[in-house]
């Protein structure tokens, strides 16, 4: 499982081939699924939500409906991917 320290190191390294930052959950959750698919077609990666383009943690508030929407969208990927969704307090 990813830790707060892992997240801080990822943010310090910035976005790149294996890391993508989103300031918030997009209104079209499918955009997140597309990012995950791109990582799956490459060497894997980490998508951090709640981090802005200046590599600053801004955080997010997420409700159960949005969380379910994200999980449902990820479960539609074919073939199925092994990916985790974690909420970490930093």
N, C-alpha and C. Protein backbone atom coordinates (compact mmCIF):
# COMPACT_ATOMS: atom_id res chain seq x y z
N UNK A 1 0.84 -1.19 0.00
CA UNK A 1 0.00 0.00 0.00
C UNK A 1 0.88 1.24 0.00
N UNK A 2 0.43 2.25 -0.68
CA UNK A 2 1.18 3.50 -0.78
C UNK A 2 1.06 4.29 0.52
N UNK A 3 2.15 4.88 0.94
CA UNK A 3 2.17 5.64 2.19
C UNK A 3 2.27 7.14 1.91
N UNK A 4 2.08 7.93 2.94
CA UNK A 4 2.21 9.38 2.81
C UNK A 4 3.62 9.74 2.35
N UNK A 5 4.62 9.04 2.88
CA UNK A 5 6.01 9.30 2.46
C UNK A 5 6.21 8.99 0.98
N UNK A 6 5.61 7.90 0.50
CA UNK A 6 5.69 7.56 -0.93
C UNK A 6 5.11 8.68 -1.78
N UNK A 7 3.98 9.20 -1.34
CA UNK A 7 3.31 10.26 -2.09
C UNK A 7 4.17 11.53 -2.13
N UNK A 8 4.76 11.87 -1.02
CA UNK A 8 5.62 13.05 -0.97
C UNK A 8 6.80 12.90 -1.93
N UNK A 9 7.39 11.70 -1.99
CA UNK A 9 8.50 11.46 -2.92
C UNK A 9 8.04 11.53 -4.37
N UNK A 10 6.87 10.97 -4.66
CA UNK A 10 6.33 11.03 -6.03
C UNK A 10 6.09 12.47 -6.46
N UNK A 11 5.51 13.26 -5.58
CA UNK A 11 5.22 14.65 -5.89
C UNK A 11 6.52 15.44 -6.10
N UNK A 12 7.52 15.17 -5.27
CA UNK A 12 8.81 15.85 -5.40
C UNK A 12 9.46 15.54 -6.76
N UNK A 13 9.22 14.34 -7.28
CA UNK A 13 9.78 13.95 -8.58
C UNK A 13 9.02 14.57 -9.74
N UNK A 14 7.76 14.96 -9.49
CA UNK A 14 6.95 15.60 -10.52
C UNK A 14 6.30 14.60 -11.46
N UNK A 15 5.44 15.13 -12.31
CA UNK A 15 4.75 14.30 -13.28
C UNK A 15 5.76 13.79 -14.31
N UNK A 16 5.43 12.66 -14.86
CA UNK A 16 6.31 12.09 -15.88
C UNK A 16 5.69 10.84 -16.46
N UNK A 17 6.55 10.00 -17.01
CA UNK A 17 6.12 8.79 -17.69
C UNK A 17 5.30 7.88 -16.78
N UNK A 18 5.61 7.84 -15.49
CA UNK A 18 4.94 6.92 -14.56
C UNK A 18 4.13 7.63 -13.48
N UNK A 19 3.91 8.92 -13.61
CA UNK A 19 3.16 9.65 -12.58
C UNK A 19 2.32 10.75 -13.23
N UNK A 20 1.07 10.81 -12.82
CA UNK A 20 0.14 11.82 -13.32
C UNK A 20 -0.58 12.42 -12.12
N UNK A 21 -0.73 13.74 -12.10
CA UNK A 21 -1.41 14.44 -11.02
C UNK A 21 -2.70 15.06 -11.55
N UNK A 22 -3.73 14.99 -10.74
CA UNK A 22 -5.01 15.65 -11.03
C UNK A 22 -5.36 16.48 -9.80
N UNK A 23 -5.82 17.69 -10.03
CA UNK A 23 -6.18 18.55 -8.90
C UNK A 23 -7.49 18.10 -8.25
N UNK A 24 -8.35 17.46 -9.04
CA UNK A 24 -9.63 16.98 -8.51
C UNK A 24 -10.11 15.80 -9.35
N UNK A 25 -11.16 15.16 -8.89
CA UNK A 25 -11.78 14.10 -9.67
C UNK A 25 -12.54 14.77 -10.81
N UNK A 26 -12.22 14.40 -12.06
CA UNK A 26 -12.92 15.04 -13.18
C UNK A 26 -14.41 14.70 -13.18
N UNK A 27 -15.20 15.56 -13.76
CA UNK A 27 -16.64 15.30 -13.81
C UNK A 27 -16.93 14.04 -14.62
N UNK A 28 -16.10 13.77 -15.60
CA UNK A 28 -16.21 12.52 -16.37
C UNK A 28 -15.16 11.56 -15.83
N UNK A 29 -15.57 10.67 -14.94
CA UNK A 29 -14.66 9.76 -14.27
C UNK A 29 -13.89 8.90 -15.28
N UNK A 30 -14.47 8.73 -16.45
CA UNK A 30 -13.82 7.92 -17.49
C UNK A 30 -12.43 8.47 -17.84
N UNK A 31 -12.21 9.76 -17.64
CA UNK A 31 -10.89 10.34 -17.89
C UNK A 31 -9.83 9.67 -17.01
N UNK A 32 -10.18 9.34 -15.78
CA UNK A 32 -9.25 8.65 -14.90
C UNK A 32 -8.95 7.25 -15.42
N UNK A 33 -9.98 6.58 -15.90
CA UNK A 33 -9.82 5.24 -16.45
C UNK A 33 -8.90 5.26 -17.65
N UNK A 34 -9.01 6.28 -18.47
CA UNK A 34 -8.13 6.42 -19.64
C UNK A 34 -6.68 6.59 -19.21
N UNK A 35 -6.46 7.34 -18.14
CA UNK A 35 -5.09 7.51 -17.61
C UNK A 35 -4.55 6.16 -17.14
N UNK A 36 -5.37 5.42 -16.42
CA UNK A 36 -4.96 4.10 -15.90
C UNK A 36 -4.64 3.17 -17.07
N UNK A 37 -5.43 3.19 -18.11
CA UNK A 37 -5.17 2.36 -19.30
C UNK A 37 -3.85 2.75 -19.95
N UNK A 38 -3.56 4.03 -19.99
CA UNK A 38 -2.29 4.48 -20.57
C UNK A 38 -1.12 3.93 -19.77
N UNK A 39 -1.23 3.94 -18.44
CA UNK A 39 -0.18 3.36 -17.60
C UNK A 39 -0.06 1.86 -17.86
N UNK A 40 -1.19 1.19 -18.01
CA UNK A 40 -1.19 -0.26 -18.23
C UNK A 40 -0.51 -0.60 -19.55
N UNK A 41 -0.65 0.26 -20.55
CA UNK A 41 -0.02 0.03 -21.84
C UNK A 41 1.45 0.41 -21.85
N UNK A 42 1.91 1.01 -20.78
CA UNK A 42 3.32 1.39 -20.65
C UNK A 42 3.95 0.50 -19.57
N UNK A 43 4.63 1.10 -18.65
CA UNK A 43 5.33 0.35 -17.61
C UNK A 43 4.65 0.47 -16.25
N UNK A 44 3.37 0.87 -16.24
CA UNK A 44 2.67 1.08 -14.97
C UNK A 44 2.83 2.51 -14.52
N UNK A 45 2.17 2.86 -13.43
CA UNK A 45 2.29 4.22 -12.94
C UNK A 45 1.35 4.50 -11.79
N UNK A 46 1.37 5.75 -11.36
CA UNK A 46 0.58 6.20 -10.23
C UNK A 46 -0.17 7.47 -10.64
N UNK A 47 -1.45 7.48 -10.34
CA UNK A 47 -2.30 8.64 -10.58
C UNK A 47 -2.66 9.23 -9.22
N UNK A 48 -2.22 10.44 -8.96
CA UNK A 48 -2.51 11.11 -7.69
C UNK A 48 -3.56 12.18 -7.92
N UNK A 49 -4.63 12.11 -7.14
CA UNK A 49 -5.69 13.11 -7.23
C UNK A 49 -5.58 13.99 -5.99
N UNK A 50 -5.62 15.29 -6.20
CA UNK A 50 -5.48 16.24 -5.10
C UNK A 50 -4.13 16.92 -5.12
N UNK A 51 -3.47 16.88 -6.29
CA UNK A 51 -2.16 17.52 -6.46
C UNK A 51 -2.26 18.43 -7.69
N UNK A 52 -1.85 19.69 -7.54
CA UNK A 52 -1.98 20.64 -8.65
C UNK A 52 -0.75 20.60 -9.57
N UNK A 53 -0.77 21.42 -10.62
CA UNK A 53 0.30 21.44 -11.61
C UNK A 53 1.61 22.02 -11.07
N UNK A 54 1.55 22.65 -9.91
CA UNK A 54 2.76 23.18 -9.28
C UNK A 54 3.32 22.18 -8.26
N UNK A 55 2.86 20.93 -8.34
CA UNK A 55 3.30 19.85 -7.44
C UNK A 55 3.00 20.15 -5.97
N UNK A 56 1.87 20.76 -5.73
CA UNK A 56 1.43 21.07 -4.36
C UNK A 56 0.21 20.23 -4.03
N UNK A 57 0.19 19.70 -2.83
CA UNK A 57 -0.97 18.94 -2.37
C UNK A 57 -2.08 19.91 -2.02
N UNK A 58 -3.22 19.77 -2.69
CA UNK A 58 -4.38 20.60 -2.39
C UNK A 58 -5.48 19.77 -1.72
N UNK A 59 -5.37 18.47 -1.84
CA UNK A 59 -6.34 17.57 -1.22
C UNK A 59 -7.66 17.53 -1.95
N UNK A 60 -8.48 16.58 -1.57
CA UNK A 60 -9.82 16.44 -2.14
C UNK A 60 -10.78 15.94 -1.07
N UNK A 61 -12.03 16.17 -1.32
CA UNK A 61 -13.09 15.57 -0.54
C UNK A 61 -13.85 14.67 -1.50
N UNK A 62 -14.04 13.44 -1.11
CA UNK A 62 -14.71 12.50 -2.01
C UNK A 62 -15.80 11.78 -1.24
N UNK A 63 -16.96 11.67 -1.87
CA UNK A 63 -18.07 10.97 -1.23
C UNK A 63 -18.13 9.53 -1.75
N UNK A 64 -18.97 8.73 -1.13
CA UNK A 64 -19.09 7.32 -1.51
C UNK A 64 -19.57 7.15 -2.95
N UNK A 65 -20.42 8.03 -3.42
CA UNK A 65 -20.93 7.93 -4.79
C UNK A 65 -19.80 8.12 -5.79
N UNK A 66 -18.94 9.10 -5.57
CA UNK A 66 -17.82 9.35 -6.48
C UNK A 66 -16.83 8.20 -6.41
N UNK A 67 -16.57 7.71 -5.21
CA UNK A 67 -15.65 6.57 -5.05
C UNK A 67 -16.18 5.35 -5.81
N UNK A 68 -17.47 5.08 -5.68
CA UNK A 68 -18.08 3.95 -6.39
C UNK A 68 -17.99 4.16 -7.89
N UNK A 69 -18.19 5.37 -8.33
CA UNK A 69 -18.12 5.69 -9.75
C UNK A 69 -16.72 5.40 -10.29
N UNK A 70 -15.70 5.77 -9.54
CA UNK A 70 -14.33 5.51 -9.95
C UNK A 70 -14.08 4.00 -10.01
N UNK A 71 -14.46 3.29 -8.96
CA UNK A 71 -14.26 1.85 -8.92
C UNK A 71 -15.01 1.15 -10.05
N UNK A 72 -16.23 1.55 -10.33
CA UNK A 72 -17.00 0.95 -11.41
C UNK A 72 -16.35 1.21 -12.76
N UNK A 73 -15.85 2.40 -12.95
CA UNK A 73 -15.20 2.73 -14.21
C UNK A 73 -13.94 1.89 -14.40
N UNK A 74 -13.17 1.73 -13.34
CA UNK A 74 -11.95 0.92 -13.42
C UNK A 74 -12.27 -0.56 -13.68
N UNK A 75 -13.38 -1.02 -13.15
CA UNK A 75 -13.74 -2.43 -13.33
C UNK A 75 -14.19 -2.74 -14.75
N UNK A 76 -14.47 -1.71 -15.55
CA UNK A 76 -14.89 -1.90 -16.94
C UNK A 76 -13.72 -2.11 -17.89
N UNK A 77 -12.49 -1.95 -17.39
CA UNK A 77 -11.32 -2.14 -18.23
C UNK A 77 -11.19 -3.61 -18.60
N UNK A 78 -10.98 -3.86 -19.91
CA UNK A 78 -10.84 -5.23 -20.40
C UNK A 78 -9.54 -5.33 -21.18
N UNK A 79 -8.70 -6.33 -20.90
CA UNK A 79 -8.83 -7.30 -19.83
C UNK A 79 -8.67 -6.61 -18.47
N UNK A 80 -9.20 -7.25 -17.43
CA UNK A 80 -9.15 -6.64 -16.10
C UNK A 80 -7.72 -6.33 -15.65
N UNK A 81 -7.58 -5.21 -14.97
CA UNK A 81 -6.28 -4.80 -14.43
C UNK A 81 -6.27 -4.96 -12.93
N UNK A 82 -5.11 -5.23 -12.42
CA UNK A 82 -4.93 -5.23 -10.98
C UNK A 82 -4.45 -3.84 -10.59
N UNK A 83 -5.36 -3.01 -10.10
CA UNK A 83 -4.97 -1.68 -9.66
C UNK A 83 -5.70 -1.39 -8.35
N UNK A 84 -5.06 -0.57 -7.54
CA UNK A 84 -5.65 -0.27 -6.24
C UNK A 84 -6.06 1.20 -6.17
N UNK A 85 -7.07 1.44 -5.38
CA UNK A 85 -7.57 2.78 -5.12
C UNK A 85 -7.40 3.00 -3.63
N UNK A 86 -6.55 3.97 -3.28
CA UNK A 86 -6.26 4.20 -1.86
C UNK A 86 -6.43 5.68 -1.54
N UNK A 87 -6.92 5.93 -0.37
CA UNK A 87 -7.04 7.30 0.14
C UNK A 87 -6.02 7.44 1.27
N UNK A 88 -5.12 8.39 1.11
CA UNK A 88 -4.03 8.54 2.06
C UNK A 88 -4.02 9.96 2.59
N UNK A 89 -3.96 10.10 3.90
CA UNK A 89 -3.89 11.42 4.54
C UNK A 89 -2.42 11.84 4.56
N UNK A 90 -2.14 12.99 3.92
CA UNK A 90 -0.75 13.48 3.86
C UNK A 90 -0.69 14.79 4.61
